[in-house]
Amino acid sequence: MNRTEKAVALKKTNNCCQAVLLAFADKLPLDETMLRQIGSGFGSGMGCMEATCGALCGAVMAAGFLNTTGRPTAMLSRQILQDFRTRCGATICGDLKGVGTAKVLCSCDDCVKNAVLALMCAIGMEE
């Protein structure tokens, strides 16, 4: 199972942020319990769908640990955000879920998958 598939499977029992973080658990210096705790406040987007998608938050958090590119993590974060927006159509959870418009731009599973892909692209990691 590759990382995107693993993240989507993890989404069944975790929030979007936790699923992204846990998909990289083998590469991160924290255990799974700590990753779940760190990501626990980002389910349904920060602010309960009013702010940044939790999957995107998880990808940026993981980038802080995984960045060995020599580029500042802030620059990678920008790249991850732009890649995610291109793949999903937005970065705000409520916009992605169609709150107020009834038009879903991207499912949670696809947000998780796209966050993992954007992170892997930014850090130069193969699937």
C-alpha atoms as a PDB file:
ATOM      1  CA  MET A   1       0.000   0.000   0.000  1.00  0.00           C
ATOM      2  CA  ASN A   2       1.474   3.372  -0.979  1.00  0.00           C
ATOM      3  CA  ARG A   3       1.311   6.503   1.202  1.00  0.00           C
ATOM      4  CA  THR A   4      -1.741   8.009  -0.482  1.00  0.00           C
ATOM      5  CA  GLU A   5      -3.691   4.763  -0.090  1.00  0.00           C
ATOM      6  CA  LYS A   6      -2.494   4.456   3.496  1.00  0.00           C
ATOM      7  CA  ALA A   7      -3.604   8.013   4.295  1.00  0.00           C
ATOM      8  CA  VAL A   8      -7.068   7.444   2.822  1.00  0.00           C
ATOM      9  CA  ALA A   9      -7.389   4.209   4.819  1.00  0.00           C
ATOM     10  CA  LEU A  10      -6.285   6.016   7.992  1.00  0.00           C
ATOM     11  CA  LYS A  11      -8.970   8.654   7.368  1.00  0.00           C
ATOM     12  CA  LYS A  12     -11.612   6.065   8.267  1.00  0.00           C
ATOM     13  CA  THR A  13     -10.578   6.211  11.946  1.00  0.00           C
ATOM     14  CA  ASN A  14      -8.775   9.578  12.170  1.00  0.00           C
ATOM     15  CA  ASN A  15      -9.374  13.150  11.091  1.00  0.00           C
ATOM     16  CA  CYS A  16      -7.812  14.457   7.880  1.00  0.00           C
ATOM     17  CA  CYS A  17      -4.780  16.025   9.568  1.00  0.00           C
ATOM     18  CA  GLN A  18      -4.068  12.900  11.598  1.00  0.00           C
ATOM     19  CA  ALA A  19      -4.412  10.683   8.509  1.00  0.00           C
ATOM     20  CA  VAL A  20      -1.755  12.686   6.640  1.00  0.00           C
ATOM     21  CA  LEU A  21       0.617  12.738   9.610  1.00  0.00           C
ATOM     22  CA  LEU A  22       0.157   9.021  10.288  1.00  0.00           C
ATOM     23  CA  ALA A  23       0.842   8.159   6.646  1.00  0.00           C
ATOM     24  CA  PHE A  24       4.394   9.412   7.316  1.00  0.00           C
ATOM     25  CA  ALA A  25       4.724   7.958  10.839  1.00  0.00           C
ATOM     26  CA  ASP A  26       7.655   5.782   9.768  1.00  0.00           C
ATOM     27  CA  LYS A  27       9.598   8.943   8.822  1.00  0.00           C
ATOM     28  CA  LEU A  28       8.599  11.215  11.722  1.00  0.00           C
ATOM     29  CA  PRO A  29      10.327  11.447  15.128  1.00  0.00           C
ATOM     30  CA  LEU A  30       7.067  11.169  17.084  1.00  0.00           C
ATOM     31  CA  ASP A  31       5.031   8.075  17.901  1.00  0.00           C
ATOM     32  CA  GLU A  32       1.520   7.559  16.546  1.00  0.00           C
ATOM     33  CA  THR A  33      -0.134   8.674  19.785  1.00  0.00           C
ATOM     34  CA  MET A  34       1.713  11.986  19.644  1.00  0.00           C
ATOM     35  CA  LEU A  35       0.880  12.444  15.968  1.00  0.00           C
ATOM     36  CA  ARG A  36      -2.793  11.880  16.743  1.00  0.00           C
ATOM     37  CA  GLN A  37      -2.608  14.395  19.592  1.00  0.00           C
ATOM     38  CA  ILE A  38      -0.873  17.052  17.477  1.00  0.00           C
ATOM     39  CA  GLY A  39      -3.404  16.630  14.673  1.00  0.00           C
ATOM     40  CA  SER A  40      -6.483  16.370  16.891  1.00  0.00           C
ATOM     41  CA  GLY A  41      -7.440  20.047  16.676  1.00  0.00           C
ATOM     42  CA  PHE A  42      -7.365  20.195  12.902  1.00  0.00           C
ATOM     43  CA  GLY A  43     -10.274  17.893  12.054  1.00  0.00           C
ATOM     44  CA  SER A  44     -12.969  19.534   9.930  1.00  0.00           C
ATOM     45  CA  GLY A  45     -10.483  22.273   9.119  1.00  0.00           C
ATOM     46  CA  MET A  46      -9.241  24.743  11.667  1.00  0.00           C
ATOM     47  CA  GLY A  47     -12.246  26.464  13.155  1.00  0.00           C
ATOM     48  CA  CYS A  48     -14.654  23.654  12.250  1.00  0.00           C
ATOM     49  CA  MET A  49     -14.687  24.153   8.472  1.00  0.00           C
ATOM     50  CA  GLU A  50     -14.061  27.888   8.593  1.00  0.00           C
ATOM     51  CA  ALA A  51     -10.337  27.808   7.923  1.00  0.00           C
ATOM     52  CA  THR A  52      -7.498  25.784   6.431  1.00  0.00           C
ATOM     53  CA  CYS A  53      -8.154  22.150   5.495  1.00  0.00           C
ATOM     54  CA  GLY A  54      -6.823  19.739   8.117  1.00  0.00           C
ATOM     55  CA  ALA A  55      -5.156  17.548   5.494  1.00  0.00           C
ATOM     56  CA  LEU A  56      -3.217  20.560   4.225  1.00  0.00           C
ATOM     57  CA  CYS A  57      -2.247  21.465   7.808  1.00  0.00           C
ATOM     58  CA  GLY A  58      -0.972  17.917   8.340  1.00  0.00           C
ATOM     59  CA  ALA A  59       1.132  18.070   5.175  1.00  0.00           C
ATOM     60  CA  VAL A  60       2.749  21.344   6.271  1.00  0.00           C
ATOM     61  CA  MET A  61       3.394  19.972   9.781  1.00  0.00           C
ATOM     62  CA  ALA A  62       5.053  16.879   8.330  1.00  0.00           C
ATOM     63  CA  ALA A  63       7.123  19.050   5.972  1.00  0.00           C
ATOM     64  CA  GLY A  64       8.761  20.644   9.000  1.00  0.00           C
ATOM     65  CA  PHE A  65      10.157  17.267   9.997  1.00  0.00           C
ATOM     66  CA  LEU A  66      10.794  15.848   6.527  1.00  0.00           C
ATOM     67  CA  ASN A  67      12.433  18.827   4.843  1.00  0.00           C
ATOM     68  CA  THR A  68      15.970  17.905   3.827  1.00  0.00           C
ATOM     69  CA  THR A  69      15.880  19.933   0.605  1.00  0.00           C
ATOM     70  CA  GLY A  70      18.002  22.810   1.863  1.00  0.00           C
ATOM     71  CA  ARG A  71      15.108  25.191   1.147  1.00  0.00           C
ATOM     72  CA  PRO A  72      13.321  26.893   4.039  1.00  0.00           C
ATOM     73  CA  THR A  73      10.255  24.968   5.165  1.00  0.00           C
ATOM     74  CA  ALA A  74       8.200  28.137   4.728  1.00  0.00           C
ATOM     75  CA  MET A  75       8.943  27.987   0.995  1.00  0.00           C
ATOM     76  CA  LEU A  76       7.967  24.324   0.869  1.00  0.00           C
ATOM     77  CA  SER A  77       4.765  25.199   2.727  1.00  0.00           C
ATOM     78  CA  ARG A  78       3.908  27.716   0.045  1.00  0.00           C
ATOM     79  CA  GLN A  79       4.582  25.107  -2.643  1.00  0.00           C
ATOM     80  CA  ILE A  80       2.422  22.544  -0.809  1.00  0.00           C
ATOM     81  CA  LEU A  81      -0.408  25.064  -0.431  1.00  0.00           C
ATOM     82  CA  GLN A  82      -0.308  26.075  -4.109  1.00  0.00           C
ATOM     83  CA  ASP A  83      -0.129  22.456  -5.282  1.00  0.00           C
ATOM     84  CA  PHE A  84      -3.018  21.504  -2.978  1.00  0.00           C
ATOM     85  CA  ARG A  85      -5.129  24.444  -4.233  1.00  0.00           C
ATOM     86  CA  THR A  86      -4.486  23.413  -7.837  1.00  0.00           C
ATOM     87  CA  ARG A  87      -5.427  19.789  -7.127  1.00  0.00           C
ATOM     88  CA  CYS A  88      -8.465  20.515  -4.912  1.00  0.00           C
ATOM     89  CA  GLY A  89      -9.798  23.895  -5.995  1.00  0.00           C
ATOM     90  CA  ALA A  90      -9.461  25.628  -2.606  1.00  0.00           C
ATOM     91  CA  THR A  91      -7.620  25.448   0.724  1.00  0.00           C
ATOM     92  CA  ILE A  92     -10.447  26.343   3.137  1.00  0.00           C
ATOM     93  CA  CYS A  93     -12.359  23.339   4.461  1.00  0.00           C
ATOM     94  CA  GLY A  94     -15.780  24.976   4.157  1.00  0.00           C
ATOM     95  CA  ASP A  95     -15.102  25.941   0.529  1.00  0.00           C
ATOM     96  CA  LEU A  96     -13.884  22.424  -0.262  1.00  0.00           C
ATOM     97  CA  LYS A  97     -17.026  20.917   1.270  1.00  0.00           C
ATOM     98  CA  GLY A  98     -19.396  23.386  -0.392  1.00  0.00           C
ATOM     99  CA  VAL A  99     -20.593  25.082   2.779  1.00  0.00           C
ATOM    100  CA  GLY A 100     -22.763  27.947   1.586  1.00  0.00           C
ATOM    101  CA  THR A 101     -22.577  26.926  -2.075  1.00  0.00           C
ATOM    102  CA  ALA A 102     -23.726  23.280  -1.966  1.00  0.00           C
ATOM    103  CA  LYS A 103     -20.926  22.574  -4.485  1.00  0.00           C
ATOM    104  CA  VAL A 104     -18.349  20.126  -3.122  1.00  0.00           C
ATOM    105  CA  LEU A 105     -14.988  20.871  -4.701  1.00  0.00           C
ATOM    106  CA  CYS A 106     -13.087  17.939  -3.192  1.00  0.00           C
ATOM    107  CA  SER A 107     -14.006  15.051  -0.888  1.00  0.00           C
ATOM    108  CA  CYS A 108     -12.132  14.515   2.370  1.00  0.00           C
ATOM    109  CA  ASP A 109     -10.529  11.354   0.981  1.00  0.00           C
ATOM    110  CA  ASP A 110      -9.293  13.274  -2.060  1.00  0.00           C
ATOM    111  CA  CYS A 111      -8.062  16.158   0.122  1.00  0.00           C
ATOM    112  CA  VAL A 112      -6.044  13.665   2.179  1.00  0.00           C
ATOM    113  CA  LYS A 113      -4.647  12.039  -0.952  1.00  0.00           C
ATOM    114  CA  ASN A 114      -3.815  15.387  -2.557  1.00  0.00           C
ATOM    115  CA  ALA A 115      -2.154  16.707   0.613  1.00  0.00           C
ATOM    116  CA  VAL A 116       0.106  13.640   0.693  1.00  0.00           C
ATOM    117  CA  LEU A 117       0.942  14.062  -2.992  1.00  0.00           C
ATOM    118  CA  ALA A 118       1.667  17.793  -2.577  1.00  0.00           C
ATOM    119  CA  LEU A 119       3.979  17.072   0.374  1.00  0.00           C
ATOM    120  CA  MET A 120       5.809  14.296  -1.446  1.00  0.00           C
ATOM    121  CA  CYS A 121       6.279  16.528  -4.481  1.00  0.00           C
ATOM    122  CA  ALA A 122       7.612  19.402  -2.359  1.00  0.00           C
ATOM    123  CA  ILE A 123      10.180  17.264  -0.551  1.00  0.00           C
ATOM    124  CA  GLY A 124      11.112  15.182  -3.581  1.00  0.00           C
ATOM    125  CA  MET A 125       9.862  11.891  -2.147  1.00  0.00           C
ATOM    126  CA  GLU A 126       8.839   9.038  -4.409  1.00  0.00           C
ATOM    127  CA  GLU A 127       5.626   7.081  -3.758  1.00  0.00           C
END
